[in-house]
Amino acid sequence: MNIFIGNLSSQTSEQQLSDLFSPFGIVRSTKVIYDNFTGRSKGFAFVEMPDEGAAERAIRNLNNTVVDTQKIVVNEAKPRPERSRY
């Protein structure tokens, strides 16, 4: 399952997210999203966990918790809507 994490501090690293989610199960990948121009975090990230049950437990337990002084939002990532190329 792909998990969305929002309201992240600009200081939060992929390693911190991996450490935060790993007590709930295997973390396949973590990806903090950065702005292409400034190189700064956009304040959100994605964590991929192969076990849906573990991912759901992580979402329940981590949503609205504080990481790096920010109350994070954790939920299942929704697919990006298709955008017109024109």
N, C-alpha and C. Protein backbone atom coordinates (compact mmCIF):
# COMPACT_ATOMS: atom_id res chain seq x y z
N MET A 1 0.85 -1.17 0.00
CA MET A 1 0.00 0.00 0.00
C MET A 1 0.90 1.24 0.00
N ASN A 2 0.48 2.23 -0.76
CA ASN A 2 1.20 3.50 -0.81
C ASN A 2 0.52 4.44 0.19
N ILE A 3 1.30 5.03 1.09
CA ILE A 3 0.79 5.86 2.17
C ILE A 3 1.26 7.30 1.96
N PHE A 4 0.34 8.23 2.11
CA PHE A 4 0.64 9.66 2.00
C PHE A 4 0.88 10.22 3.40
N ILE A 5 1.94 11.01 3.57
CA ILE A 5 2.22 11.68 4.82
C ILE A 5 2.29 13.17 4.52
N GLY A 6 1.42 13.95 5.12
CA GLY A 6 1.37 15.38 4.88
C GLY A 6 1.71 16.19 6.12
N ASN A 7 1.90 17.48 5.92
CA ASN A 7 2.25 18.44 6.97
C ASN A 7 3.59 18.12 7.62
N LEU A 8 4.54 17.67 6.81
CA LEU A 8 5.87 17.35 7.32
C LEU A 8 6.71 18.60 7.52
N SER A 9 7.57 18.56 8.50
CA SER A 9 8.56 19.60 8.69
C SER A 9 9.56 19.52 7.53
N SER A 10 10.13 20.63 7.17
CA SER A 10 11.15 20.62 6.10
C SER A 10 12.40 19.87 6.54
N GLN A 11 12.53 19.59 7.84
CA GLN A 11 13.69 18.88 8.37
C GLN A 11 13.53 17.36 8.37
N THR A 12 12.32 16.85 8.16
CA THR A 12 12.07 15.41 8.24
C THR A 12 12.71 14.69 7.06
N SER A 13 13.47 13.62 7.37
CA SER A 13 14.20 12.87 6.33
C SER A 13 13.49 11.56 6.00
N GLU A 14 13.89 10.99 4.87
CA GLU A 14 13.36 9.68 4.48
C GLU A 14 13.73 8.63 5.51
N GLN A 15 14.93 8.72 6.08
CA GLN A 15 15.35 7.75 7.10
C GLN A 15 14.47 7.85 8.34
N GLN A 16 14.12 9.07 8.75
CA GLN A 16 13.23 9.24 9.89
C GLN A 16 11.87 8.59 9.62
N LEU A 17 11.35 8.77 8.42
CA LEU A 17 10.06 8.17 8.08
C LEU A 17 10.15 6.65 8.07
N SER A 18 11.22 6.12 7.52
CA SER A 18 11.42 4.67 7.53
C SER A 18 11.45 4.14 8.96
N ASP A 19 12.18 4.83 9.83
CA ASP A 19 12.27 4.43 11.24
C ASP A 19 10.91 4.55 11.93
N LEU A 20 10.12 5.54 11.56
CA LEU A 20 8.80 5.75 12.16
C LEU A 20 7.82 4.65 11.78
N PHE A 21 7.87 4.21 10.51
CA PHE A 21 6.91 3.23 10.01
C PHE A 21 7.35 1.77 10.23
N SER A 22 8.64 1.51 10.35
CA SER A 22 9.13 0.13 10.42
C SER A 22 8.64 -0.68 11.62
N PRO A 23 8.30 -0.09 12.78
CA PRO A 23 7.74 -0.92 13.85
C PRO A 23 6.41 -1.59 13.49
N PHE A 24 5.75 -1.09 12.45
CA PHE A 24 4.46 -1.64 12.04
C PHE A 24 4.60 -2.72 10.97
N GLY A 25 5.76 -2.82 10.34
CA GLY A 25 5.98 -3.82 9.29
C GLY A 25 7.08 -3.38 8.34
N ILE A 26 7.21 -4.15 7.28
CA ILE A 26 8.26 -3.88 6.28
C ILE A 26 7.96 -2.59 5.53
N VAL A 27 8.97 -1.74 5.42
CA VAL A 27 8.87 -0.51 4.62
C VAL A 27 9.65 -0.75 3.34
N ARG A 28 8.95 -0.78 2.22
CA ARG A 28 9.60 -1.02 0.93
C ARG A 28 10.34 0.22 0.44
N SER A 29 9.73 1.39 0.61
CA SER A 29 10.39 2.63 0.17
C SER A 29 9.80 3.83 0.88
N THR A 30 10.60 4.89 0.93
CA THR A 30 10.14 6.19 1.43
C THR A 30 10.60 7.25 0.44
N LYS A 31 9.78 8.27 0.26
CA LYS A 31 10.13 9.32 -0.69
C LYS A 31 9.58 10.66 -0.21
N VAL A 32 10.48 11.53 0.25
CA VAL A 32 10.10 12.90 0.57
C VAL A 32 10.10 13.68 -0.74
N ILE A 33 9.08 14.48 -0.97
CA ILE A 33 8.96 15.23 -2.22
C ILE A 33 9.59 16.62 -2.05
N TYR A 34 10.51 16.94 -2.96
CA TYR A 34 11.24 18.21 -2.92
C TYR A 34 10.86 19.10 -4.09
N ASP A 35 10.91 20.41 -3.88
CA ASP A 35 10.69 21.38 -4.94
C ASP A 35 11.88 21.37 -5.88
N ASN A 36 11.63 21.32 -7.18
CA ASN A 36 12.71 21.26 -8.17
C ASN A 36 13.57 22.52 -8.21
N PHE A 37 12.99 23.66 -7.91
CA PHE A 37 13.72 24.91 -8.02
C PHE A 37 14.49 25.27 -6.75
N THR A 38 13.85 25.08 -5.59
CA THR A 38 14.50 25.49 -4.33
C THR A 38 15.25 24.35 -3.66
N GLY A 39 14.88 23.11 -3.98
CA GLY A 39 15.50 21.96 -3.33
C GLY A 39 14.97 21.70 -1.93
N ARG A 40 13.97 22.47 -1.51
CA ARG A 40 13.38 22.30 -0.18
C ARG A 40 12.21 21.33 -0.22
N SER A 41 11.97 20.68 0.90
CA SER A 41 10.84 19.76 1.02
C SER A 41 9.53 20.51 0.77
N LYS A 42 8.61 19.85 0.07
CA LYS A 42 7.29 20.44 -0.16
C LYS A 42 6.35 20.16 1.01
N GLY A 43 6.82 19.40 2.01
CA GLY A 43 6.00 19.15 3.20
C GLY A 43 5.17 17.89 3.13
N PHE A 44 5.47 17.03 2.14
CA PHE A 44 4.77 15.75 2.11
C PHE A 44 5.68 14.66 1.58
N ALA A 45 5.26 13.42 1.82
CA ALA A 45 6.08 12.27 1.43
C ALA A 45 5.17 11.06 1.21
N PHE A 46 5.79 10.01 0.69
CA PHE A 46 5.09 8.75 0.49
C PHE A 46 5.92 7.62 1.09
N VAL A 47 5.24 6.67 1.71
CA VAL A 47 5.87 5.47 2.24
C VAL A 47 5.13 4.29 1.64
N GLU A 48 5.87 3.32 1.13
CA GLU A 48 5.26 2.12 0.56
C GLU A 48 5.51 0.94 1.48
N MET A 49 4.40 0.26 1.84
CA MET A 49 4.47 -0.93 2.68
C MET A 49 3.74 -2.06 1.95
N PRO A 50 4.41 -3.22 1.77
CA PRO A 50 3.79 -4.30 1.00
C PRO A 50 2.63 -5.00 1.71
N ASP A 51 2.61 -5.00 3.04
CA ASP A 51 1.56 -5.67 3.81
C ASP A 51 0.45 -4.67 4.13
N GLU A 52 -0.74 -4.89 3.56
CA GLU A 52 -1.85 -3.95 3.75
C GLU A 52 -2.26 -3.83 5.21
N GLY A 53 -2.26 -4.94 5.94
CA GLY A 53 -2.63 -4.90 7.35
C GLY A 53 -1.67 -4.05 8.15
N ALA A 54 -0.38 -4.20 7.90
CA ALA A 54 0.64 -3.41 8.59
C ALA A 54 0.49 -1.94 8.22
N ALA A 55 0.21 -1.67 6.95
CA ALA A 55 0.04 -0.28 6.49
C ALA A 55 -1.16 0.36 7.17
N GLU A 56 -2.26 -0.37 7.28
CA GLU A 56 -3.46 0.17 7.93
C GLU A 56 -3.21 0.44 9.41
N ARG A 57 -2.45 -0.44 10.09
CA ARG A 57 -2.09 -0.20 11.49
C ARG A 57 -1.23 1.05 11.62
N ALA A 58 -0.27 1.21 10.71
CA ALA A 58 0.59 2.38 10.72
C ALA A 58 -0.23 3.65 10.54
N ILE A 59 -1.16 3.64 9.60
CA ILE A 59 -2.01 4.81 9.35
C ILE A 59 -2.82 5.15 10.61
N ARG A 60 -3.46 4.14 11.20
CA ARG A 60 -4.26 4.37 12.41
C ARG A 60 -3.43 4.94 13.56
N ASN A 61 -2.23 4.40 13.74
CA ASN A 61 -1.40 4.78 14.88
C ASN A 61 -0.60 6.07 14.68
N LEU A 62 -0.29 6.42 13.45
CA LEU A 62 0.58 7.57 13.20
C LEU A 62 -0.15 8.84 12.77
N ASN A 63 -1.39 8.72 12.30
CA ASN A 63 -2.14 9.90 11.89
C ASN A 63 -2.32 10.84 13.09
N ASN A 64 -2.06 12.12 12.89
CA ASN A 64 -2.19 13.16 13.91
C ASN A 64 -1.16 13.05 15.04
N THR A 65 -0.04 12.38 14.79
CA THR A 65 1.05 12.36 15.76
C THR A 65 2.04 13.47 15.41
N VAL A 66 2.90 13.82 16.35
CA VAL A 66 3.85 14.92 16.15
C VAL A 66 5.22 14.36 15.77
N VAL A 67 5.76 14.87 14.65
CA VAL A 67 7.09 14.52 14.17
C VAL A 67 7.80 15.83 13.85
N ASP A 68 8.96 16.05 14.44
CA ASP A 68 9.71 17.30 14.23
C ASP A 68 8.84 18.53 14.45
N THR A 69 8.09 18.54 15.55
CA THR A 69 7.21 19.64 15.98
C THR A 69 5.99 19.87 15.08
N GLN A 70 5.75 19.01 14.10
CA GLN A 70 4.59 19.15 13.21
C GLN A 70 3.62 17.99 13.44
N LYS A 71 2.32 18.27 13.50
CA LYS A 71 1.31 17.22 13.58
C LYS A 71 1.07 16.70 12.16
N ILE A 72 1.48 15.45 11.91
CA ILE A 72 1.41 14.91 10.55
C ILE A 72 0.04 14.31 10.24
N VAL A 73 -0.27 14.27 8.96
CA VAL A 73 -1.47 13.64 8.44
C VAL A 73 -1.02 12.40 7.69
N VAL A 74 -1.61 11.25 8.04
CA VAL A 74 -1.21 9.99 7.41
C VAL A 74 -2.47 9.29 6.90
N ASN A 75 -2.50 8.98 5.60
CA ASN A 75 -3.62 8.23 5.04
C ASN A 75 -3.19 7.51 3.77
N GLU A 76 -4.07 6.66 3.28
CA GLU A 76 -3.74 5.92 2.05
C GLU A 76 -3.64 6.91 0.90
N ALA A 77 -2.59 6.76 0.11
CA ALA A 77 -2.40 7.65 -1.05
C ALA A 77 -3.42 7.31 -2.12
N LYS A 78 -3.98 8.32 -2.71
CA LYS A 78 -4.93 8.16 -3.81
C LYS A 78 -4.19 8.33 -5.13
N PRO A 79 -4.59 7.60 -6.17
CA PRO A 79 -3.92 7.78 -7.47
C PRO A 79 -4.10 9.22 -7.97
N ARG A 80 -3.06 9.68 -8.64
CA ARG A 80 -3.13 11.03 -9.24
C ARG A 80 -4.18 11.05 -10.33
N PRO A 81 -5.02 12.10 -10.36
CA PRO A 81 -5.99 12.18 -11.45
C PRO A 81 -5.29 12.45 -12.78
N GLU A 82 -5.84 11.94 -13.83
CA GLU A 82 -5.28 12.18 -15.15
C GLU A 82 -5.45 13.65 -15.49
N ARG A 83 -4.38 14.24 -16.04
CA ARG A 83 -4.45 15.64 -16.46
C ARG A 83 -4.33 15.70 -17.97
N SER A 84 -5.05 16.62 -18.55
CA SER A 84 -4.99 16.81 -19.98
C SER A 84 -3.62 17.37 -20.36
N ARG A 85 -3.07 16.93 -21.46
CA ARG A 85 -1.78 17.42 -21.92
C ARG A 85 -1.92 18.72 -22.70
N TYR A 86 -3.14 19.16 -22.93
CA TYR A 86 -3.36 20.37 -23.75
C TYR A 86 -3.93 21.48 -22.95
